[in-house]
Amino acid sequence: MRLPARNVDVLVAGAGPVGLLTAGLLAGRGLEVALIDEDWRPAVHSYAAVLHSDTVALLDGIGLAGELTARGQRIDTVAYYEGSERQAEVSFAVLGGPRPHAIAVPQSVLEEVLLAHAAARGIEVAWNHRLAAFDVRGERVVAWIDRLERVSSGYALAGTRRLVGGSATVSARCLIGADGHRSAVRRILGSTFAERAPGCVVGAFELAGAADPHEVRVAVADGAVGTLWPLPGGRCRWGFELPAEPAAVARASAGQAPVLLGRRAWLVVRPEVLAALIERRAPWFPPGTADLSWSVAVRFERRLAEPVGRAPVWLVGDAAHTTVPFGAWSMNCGLREAAELAERVGDALGRGRPAGLEDWSTALAERWRKLVLPGSGFTAGAAASPWVRHHAARLPECVPATGQELERLLAQIGLKPASEPSDGP
């Protein structure tokens, strides 16, 4: 699709899950929406592949949860291990309701479902279109969009590169940046993206087998964590914290071709590294990694954009915040923020003006200041075991839930919000 010069109600930059949901919900409110993305197609490999219970409820409200549940893997419990010992467990059953569980689903499936939802509301993604610049003029945004083209390069070793093949100008009453952690919207807006706490390097490994097809398992060892996610089709994904030194990752990746995820190439971690991690940190997992599909080493950071927006430009999802991946917080919060933002933008534009979202952006920033810090504001109560008490700072971020649902889940192992009064030593 080539994006023509046009006037629209909302321009959404970024057609990942958050951008797709934002655009579909806005179009469902009768607004004219343009959706662009500089990628050539949706994700092939997925990383953020777990939907929280309240995200499932949100998607259920627009008729999408049934298909995602059917194509995904239901998660009922989160269990914590140290070595071979099972130390603690939380169950989603305490949440009640029609869908008291999380769902593991490949991001490619999630994007396929959200693409169909958006298309049914008249949204066609302008793939390989990149936001080059924008200017706020009164209550409108004028955006300059580059159309990218692939051209062949090289002779002995063929390759491709991308060139600007044309451009278009779009005038919108509102611009929403859902364009990920390298957000062009955030950069042009001038928001800072400071690191709020140390991040980590994670080795992600997708392979056959799972200890329990309906349980997330968290391996805790030497102050580091690893999460085992069950996936559809009898597969699973390990995410282990790796040494942060680049040399250690480079040694693990020596002689391996990189894995291409979207536009970026990632270092490969050799199978023997996974075998050593499992032997040391998760001896309960079945040995052998012969059916390893792919592995990458990725650095995750704890960052927050400030400001999150300034009328009529707003950030959402990874463009506004990033954190470590163990509880799949950033994407899930981004999807729920998309619903909040779509409702507020729809109401504001319905009143004829795109302002009035400053209170939302302030609340969002405050919410994320708590989430990006290790421990997430939880402390051990009197009911916590000595093991939970010792590891209380790391356990919350490994649970696929946030907000009140996270509080209810963690209460099962004796963790409570730090703001509550102490009830024991």
Foldseek 3Di string as FASTA:
>chain_A
DDDAAEEFAEEEEDLFLLSLLLLLLLLVLVGGYAYEYQFPDYWDFADLFKAFPVLLVVCVVVPQNVVQQVQWFWAFKEWEDFEADTDDMFGLVVVDDPRSTMTGATSVVSSVSSNVSNVVSVYDYHYSKAFDAWDDDPQKIKTKIFRKDWDWDDDVDIDIDIDGPDIYIYIHSAYEYAHAQVTPLLVNVPWDKDFLDDWFKKKKWKFAADPDRRYWYWWDDPNWIKIWHHIPPRMIMIITTDDRDPVVLCVQQPPHFFDDIGNDTFGFGDPVVVQVCCVNTPVVDDHDGPGTPTMGMDIWTWIAIPQQDDHRYGYAANNGTTAYPQQSPRVNRRNVVSVVVSVLQSVQVVVPGRDDCPVVSVVVRVQSSLVRAFLSQKAAAPQADPVCNVSNRHPLSNHNDDDPSSQSRCVSRRIHGNPDDHDHD
